[in-house]
N, C-alpha and C. Protein backbone atom coordinates (compact mmCIF):
# COMPACT_ATOMS: atom_id res chain seq x y z
N UNK A 1 -22.40 10.51 10.58
CA UNK A 1 -22.04 10.53 11.98
C UNK A 1 -23.02 9.67 12.75
N UNK A 2 -22.51 8.83 13.61
CA UNK A 2 -23.34 7.99 14.47
C UNK A 2 -23.32 8.58 15.87
N UNK A 3 -24.51 8.76 16.44
CA UNK A 3 -24.62 9.31 17.79
C UNK A 3 -25.05 8.19 18.73
N UNK A 4 -24.31 7.99 19.78
CA UNK A 4 -24.60 6.91 20.74
C UNK A 4 -25.48 7.38 21.89
N UNK A 5 -25.49 8.70 22.15
CA UNK A 5 -26.18 9.23 23.33
C UNK A 5 -26.88 10.53 22.94
N UNK A 6 -28.12 10.69 23.38
CA UNK A 6 -28.86 11.90 23.05
C UNK A 6 -28.39 13.10 23.87
N UNK A 7 -27.69 12.85 24.95
CA UNK A 7 -27.20 13.94 25.79
C UNK A 7 -28.31 14.52 26.65
N UNK A 8 -28.18 15.81 26.96
CA UNK A 8 -29.16 16.48 27.81
C UNK A 8 -30.49 16.63 27.06
N UNK A 9 -31.55 16.09 27.62
CA UNK A 9 -32.89 16.19 27.02
C UNK A 9 -33.47 17.54 27.38
N UNK A 10 -33.86 18.30 26.35
CA UNK A 10 -34.45 19.63 26.60
C UNK A 10 -35.96 19.63 26.42
N UNK A 11 -36.51 18.59 25.79
CA UNK A 11 -37.96 18.50 25.61
C UNK A 11 -38.34 17.04 25.41
N UNK A 12 -39.53 16.72 25.91
CA UNK A 12 -40.04 15.35 25.77
C UNK A 12 -41.55 15.41 25.60
N UNK A 13 -42.07 14.57 24.73
CA UNK A 13 -43.52 14.48 24.52
C UNK A 13 -43.91 13.02 24.49
N UNK A 14 -45.03 12.70 25.14
CA UNK A 14 -45.56 11.34 25.15
C UNK A 14 -46.83 11.31 24.31
N UNK A 15 -46.87 10.40 23.36
CA UNK A 15 -48.05 10.19 22.52
C UNK A 15 -48.69 8.87 22.93
N UNK A 16 -50.00 8.79 22.81
CA UNK A 16 -50.72 7.56 23.12
C UNK A 16 -50.84 6.72 21.86
N UNK A 17 -50.70 5.43 22.04
CA UNK A 17 -50.81 4.49 20.93
C UNK A 17 -51.78 3.40 21.37
N UNK A 18 -53.09 3.59 21.12
CA UNK A 18 -54.08 2.61 21.56
C UNK A 18 -53.82 1.23 20.96
N UNK A 19 -54.13 0.23 21.74
CA UNK A 19 -54.01 -1.15 21.29
C UNK A 19 -55.38 -1.80 21.47
N UNK A 20 -55.88 -2.40 20.40
CA UNK A 20 -57.20 -3.04 20.49
C UNK A 20 -57.19 -4.17 21.50
N UNK A 21 -58.10 -4.10 22.47
CA UNK A 21 -58.24 -5.17 23.44
C UNK A 21 -57.14 -5.22 24.48
N UNK A 22 -56.35 -4.16 24.61
CA UNK A 22 -55.27 -4.17 25.59
C UNK A 22 -55.00 -2.79 26.13
N UNK A 23 -54.01 -2.72 26.98
CA UNK A 23 -53.59 -1.44 27.55
C UNK A 23 -52.97 -0.58 26.45
N UNK A 24 -53.24 0.73 26.47
CA UNK A 24 -52.64 1.58 25.46
C UNK A 24 -51.13 1.63 25.62
N UNK A 25 -50.45 1.70 24.49
CA UNK A 25 -49.02 1.86 24.50
C UNK A 25 -48.68 3.33 24.43
N UNK A 26 -47.41 3.63 24.54
CA UNK A 26 -46.98 5.02 24.42
C UNK A 26 -45.81 5.10 23.45
N UNK A 27 -45.68 6.28 22.88
CA UNK A 27 -44.55 6.64 22.03
C UNK A 27 -43.94 7.88 22.67
N UNK A 28 -42.66 7.85 22.93
CA UNK A 28 -41.99 8.97 23.58
C UNK A 28 -41.01 9.61 22.59
N UNK A 29 -41.14 10.93 22.44
CA UNK A 29 -40.25 11.70 21.59
C UNK A 29 -39.37 12.54 22.51
N UNK A 30 -38.06 12.41 22.35
CA UNK A 30 -37.11 13.19 23.15
C UNK A 30 -36.22 14.00 22.23
N UNK A 31 -36.00 15.25 22.61
CA UNK A 31 -35.14 16.15 21.84
C UNK A 31 -33.96 16.55 22.71
N UNK A 32 -32.76 16.35 22.19
CA UNK A 32 -31.55 16.71 22.93
C UNK A 32 -31.12 18.15 22.67
N UNK A 33 -30.32 18.64 23.57
CA UNK A 33 -29.76 19.99 23.46
C UNK A 33 -28.85 20.06 22.23
N UNK A 34 -28.97 21.15 21.44
CA UNK A 34 -28.09 21.30 20.28
C UNK A 34 -26.63 21.31 20.70
N UNK A 35 -25.80 20.71 19.85
CA UNK A 35 -24.36 20.64 20.12
C UNK A 35 -23.59 21.05 18.86
N UNK A 36 -22.41 21.63 19.06
CA UNK A 36 -21.59 21.92 17.88
C UNK A 36 -20.98 20.63 17.34
N UNK A 37 -20.82 20.56 16.03
CA UNK A 37 -20.12 19.41 15.45
C UNK A 37 -18.68 19.40 15.94
N UNK A 38 -18.16 18.25 16.28
CA UNK A 38 -16.80 18.21 16.83
C UNK A 38 -15.71 18.64 15.84
N UNK A 39 -15.84 18.31 14.57
CA UNK A 39 -14.77 18.57 13.61
C UNK A 39 -15.18 19.49 12.47
N UNK A 40 -16.26 20.23 12.65
CA UNK A 40 -16.73 21.09 11.55
C UNK A 40 -17.53 22.25 12.13
N UNK A 41 -17.91 23.15 11.26
CA UNK A 41 -18.77 24.23 11.72
C UNK A 41 -20.21 23.75 11.70
N UNK A 42 -21.07 24.42 12.41
CA UNK A 42 -22.48 24.05 12.46
C UNK A 42 -22.82 23.32 13.74
N UNK A 43 -24.12 23.06 13.89
CA UNK A 43 -24.65 22.40 15.07
C UNK A 43 -25.54 21.25 14.66
N UNK A 44 -25.79 20.34 15.60
CA UNK A 44 -26.76 19.27 15.39
C UNK A 44 -27.61 19.12 16.64
N UNK A 45 -28.86 18.75 16.42
CA UNK A 45 -29.81 18.50 17.51
C UNK A 45 -30.22 17.03 17.45
N UNK A 46 -29.80 16.24 18.45
CA UNK A 46 -30.17 14.83 18.47
C UNK A 46 -31.61 14.64 18.95
N UNK A 47 -32.26 13.59 18.44
CA UNK A 47 -33.60 13.26 18.92
C UNK A 47 -33.82 11.76 18.78
N UNK A 48 -34.80 11.27 19.53
CA UNK A 48 -35.17 9.86 19.44
C UNK A 48 -36.67 9.71 19.58
N UNK A 49 -37.18 8.68 18.93
CA UNK A 49 -38.59 8.31 19.03
C UNK A 49 -38.60 6.87 19.53
N UNK A 50 -39.12 6.69 20.74
CA UNK A 50 -39.12 5.37 21.37
C UNK A 50 -40.55 4.83 21.35
N UNK A 51 -40.69 3.60 20.86
CA UNK A 51 -42.01 2.97 20.84
C UNK A 51 -42.56 2.77 19.44
N UNK A 52 -41.80 3.16 18.43
CA UNK A 52 -42.18 2.97 17.03
C UNK A 52 -40.98 2.44 16.26
N UNK A 53 -41.12 1.30 15.67
CA UNK A 53 -40.04 0.79 14.83
C UNK A 53 -38.75 0.59 15.60
N UNK A 54 -37.66 0.63 14.88
CA UNK A 54 -36.34 0.47 15.49
C UNK A 54 -35.98 1.71 16.29
N UNK A 55 -35.39 1.48 17.46
CA UNK A 55 -34.92 2.61 18.26
C UNK A 55 -33.58 3.08 17.69
N UNK A 56 -33.55 4.33 17.29
CA UNK A 56 -32.35 4.89 16.68
C UNK A 56 -32.28 6.36 17.05
N UNK A 57 -31.10 6.81 17.46
CA UNK A 57 -30.92 8.23 17.71
C UNK A 57 -30.58 8.89 16.38
N UNK A 58 -31.36 9.91 16.05
CA UNK A 58 -31.18 10.65 14.81
C UNK A 58 -30.77 12.08 15.16
N UNK A 59 -30.45 12.86 14.15
CA UNK A 59 -30.14 14.26 14.40
C UNK A 59 -30.46 15.11 13.18
N UNK A 60 -30.63 16.39 13.44
CA UNK A 60 -30.80 17.38 12.38
C UNK A 60 -29.64 18.36 12.49
N UNK A 61 -29.07 18.73 11.36
CA UNK A 61 -27.91 19.62 11.33
C UNK A 61 -28.30 20.98 10.79
N UNK A 62 -27.67 22.02 11.31
CA UNK A 62 -27.92 23.37 10.84
C UNK A 62 -26.69 24.24 11.00
N UNK A 63 -26.76 25.44 10.44
CA UNK A 63 -25.62 26.36 10.53
C UNK A 63 -25.47 26.91 11.94
N UNK A 64 -26.56 26.93 12.70
CA UNK A 64 -26.50 27.33 14.10
C UNK A 64 -27.48 26.48 14.90
N UNK A 65 -27.51 26.68 16.21
CA UNK A 65 -28.35 25.86 17.08
C UNK A 65 -29.84 26.03 16.74
N UNK A 66 -30.26 27.25 16.43
CA UNK A 66 -31.66 27.48 16.08
C UNK A 66 -32.08 26.68 14.85
N UNK A 67 -31.27 26.73 13.81
CA UNK A 67 -31.64 26.01 12.60
C UNK A 67 -31.66 24.50 12.84
N UNK A 68 -30.73 23.99 13.63
CA UNK A 68 -30.74 22.55 13.91
C UNK A 68 -32.01 22.16 14.67
N UNK A 69 -32.48 23.01 15.57
CA UNK A 69 -33.74 22.73 16.28
C UNK A 69 -34.94 22.79 15.34
N UNK A 70 -34.98 23.81 14.49
CA UNK A 70 -36.08 23.93 13.53
C UNK A 70 -36.17 22.68 12.64
N UNK A 71 -35.03 22.24 12.16
CA UNK A 71 -35.01 21.07 11.29
C UNK A 71 -35.32 19.79 12.05
N UNK A 72 -34.92 19.71 13.30
CA UNK A 72 -35.25 18.53 14.12
C UNK A 72 -36.77 18.42 14.27
N UNK A 73 -37.44 19.55 14.54
CA UNK A 73 -38.90 19.51 14.65
C UNK A 73 -39.54 19.04 13.35
N UNK A 74 -39.03 19.49 12.22
CA UNK A 74 -39.57 19.05 10.93
C UNK A 74 -39.35 17.56 10.71
N UNK A 75 -38.16 17.08 11.06
CA UNK A 75 -37.87 15.66 10.89
C UNK A 75 -38.74 14.80 11.81
N UNK A 76 -38.91 15.23 13.05
CA UNK A 76 -39.76 14.50 13.99
C UNK A 76 -41.18 14.44 13.46
N UNK A 77 -41.69 15.59 12.99
CA UNK A 77 -43.04 15.65 12.45
C UNK A 77 -43.20 14.69 11.27
N UNK A 78 -42.26 14.72 10.34
CA UNK A 78 -42.33 13.84 9.17
C UNK A 78 -42.31 12.37 9.57
N UNK A 79 -41.43 12.03 10.49
CA UNK A 79 -41.32 10.65 10.95
C UNK A 79 -42.61 10.17 11.62
N UNK A 80 -43.17 10.97 12.52
CA UNK A 80 -44.39 10.59 13.22
C UNK A 80 -45.58 10.47 12.27
N UNK A 81 -45.72 11.44 11.37
CA UNK A 81 -46.85 11.41 10.45
C UNK A 81 -46.72 10.27 9.45
N UNK A 82 -45.50 9.93 9.08
CA UNK A 82 -45.29 8.77 8.21
C UNK A 82 -45.76 7.50 8.91
N UNK A 83 -45.36 7.32 10.16
CA UNK A 83 -45.81 6.14 10.92
C UNK A 83 -47.32 6.14 11.12
N UNK A 84 -47.90 7.32 11.39
CA UNK A 84 -49.33 7.38 11.68
C UNK A 84 -50.20 7.04 10.47
N UNK A 85 -49.62 7.08 9.27
CA UNK A 85 -50.38 6.72 8.06
C UNK A 85 -50.43 5.22 7.82
N UNK A 86 -49.64 4.47 8.57
CA UNK A 86 -49.68 3.01 8.44
C UNK A 86 -51.04 2.51 8.96
N UNK A 87 -51.68 1.59 8.24
CA UNK A 87 -53.01 1.13 8.66
C UNK A 87 -53.05 0.53 10.06
N UNK A 88 -51.95 -0.05 10.51
CA UNK A 88 -51.96 -0.71 11.82
C UNK A 88 -51.59 0.22 12.96
N UNK A 89 -51.28 1.48 12.66
CA UNK A 89 -50.82 2.41 13.70
C UNK A 89 -51.86 3.49 13.93
N UNK A 90 -52.21 3.68 15.18
CA UNK A 90 -53.06 4.78 15.58
C UNK A 90 -52.35 5.49 16.72
N UNK A 91 -52.11 6.77 16.59
CA UNK A 91 -51.44 7.54 17.63
C UNK A 91 -52.14 8.87 17.80
N UNK A 92 -52.03 9.45 18.99
CA UNK A 92 -52.51 10.80 19.21
C UNK A 92 -51.77 11.42 20.38
N UNK A 93 -51.84 12.75 20.44
CA UNK A 93 -51.21 13.49 21.53
C UNK A 93 -52.24 13.76 22.62
N UNK A 94 -53.22 14.60 22.36
CA UNK A 94 -54.24 14.93 23.35
C UNK A 94 -55.55 14.21 23.13
N UNK A 95 -55.90 13.99 21.86
CA UNK A 95 -57.15 13.30 21.55
C UNK A 95 -57.03 12.63 20.19
N UNK A 96 -57.75 11.53 19.99
CA UNK A 96 -57.68 10.82 18.70
C UNK A 96 -57.96 11.78 17.53
N UNK A 97 -57.15 11.63 16.47
CA UNK A 97 -57.34 12.44 15.28
C UNK A 97 -56.58 13.76 15.28
N UNK A 98 -55.86 14.08 16.37
CA UNK A 98 -55.13 15.35 16.38
C UNK A 98 -53.86 15.24 15.53
N UNK A 99 -53.09 16.30 15.44
CA UNK A 99 -51.91 16.31 14.58
C UNK A 99 -50.65 15.87 15.31
N UNK A 100 -50.81 15.13 16.42
CA UNK A 100 -49.73 14.60 17.22
C UNK A 100 -48.92 15.70 17.91
N UNK A 101 -49.40 16.92 17.84
CA UNK A 101 -48.67 18.04 18.43
C UNK A 101 -47.52 18.51 17.55
N UNK A 102 -47.43 17.95 16.35
CA UNK A 102 -46.40 18.32 15.38
C UNK A 102 -47.09 18.59 14.05
N UNK A 103 -47.26 19.86 13.67
CA UNK A 103 -47.93 20.16 12.40
C UNK A 103 -47.19 19.53 11.23
N UNK A 104 -47.96 19.15 10.22
CA UNK A 104 -47.36 18.56 9.00
C UNK A 104 -46.75 19.64 8.15
């Protein structure tokens, strides 16, 4: 399924992405309100990460809205921590070296 719009944003977090010799950049994580699948049972929670790699709206699917949210948080965490392990990427939420506000 391809999602064109994240819909109603229910949560947003801004991460700092320092740049050597320049103004710090930011990475914005947005989580959309869970929605029922149009042609099936279950729910999906759309999310996007802006400021890292290609901009793409992703989603996590679950049997109900709670499970789709739980899985979205896990997917966001995995995606952010994967990017943060790249040698050229440094990111943090509140202070350098933190867990980005998303436990691994």
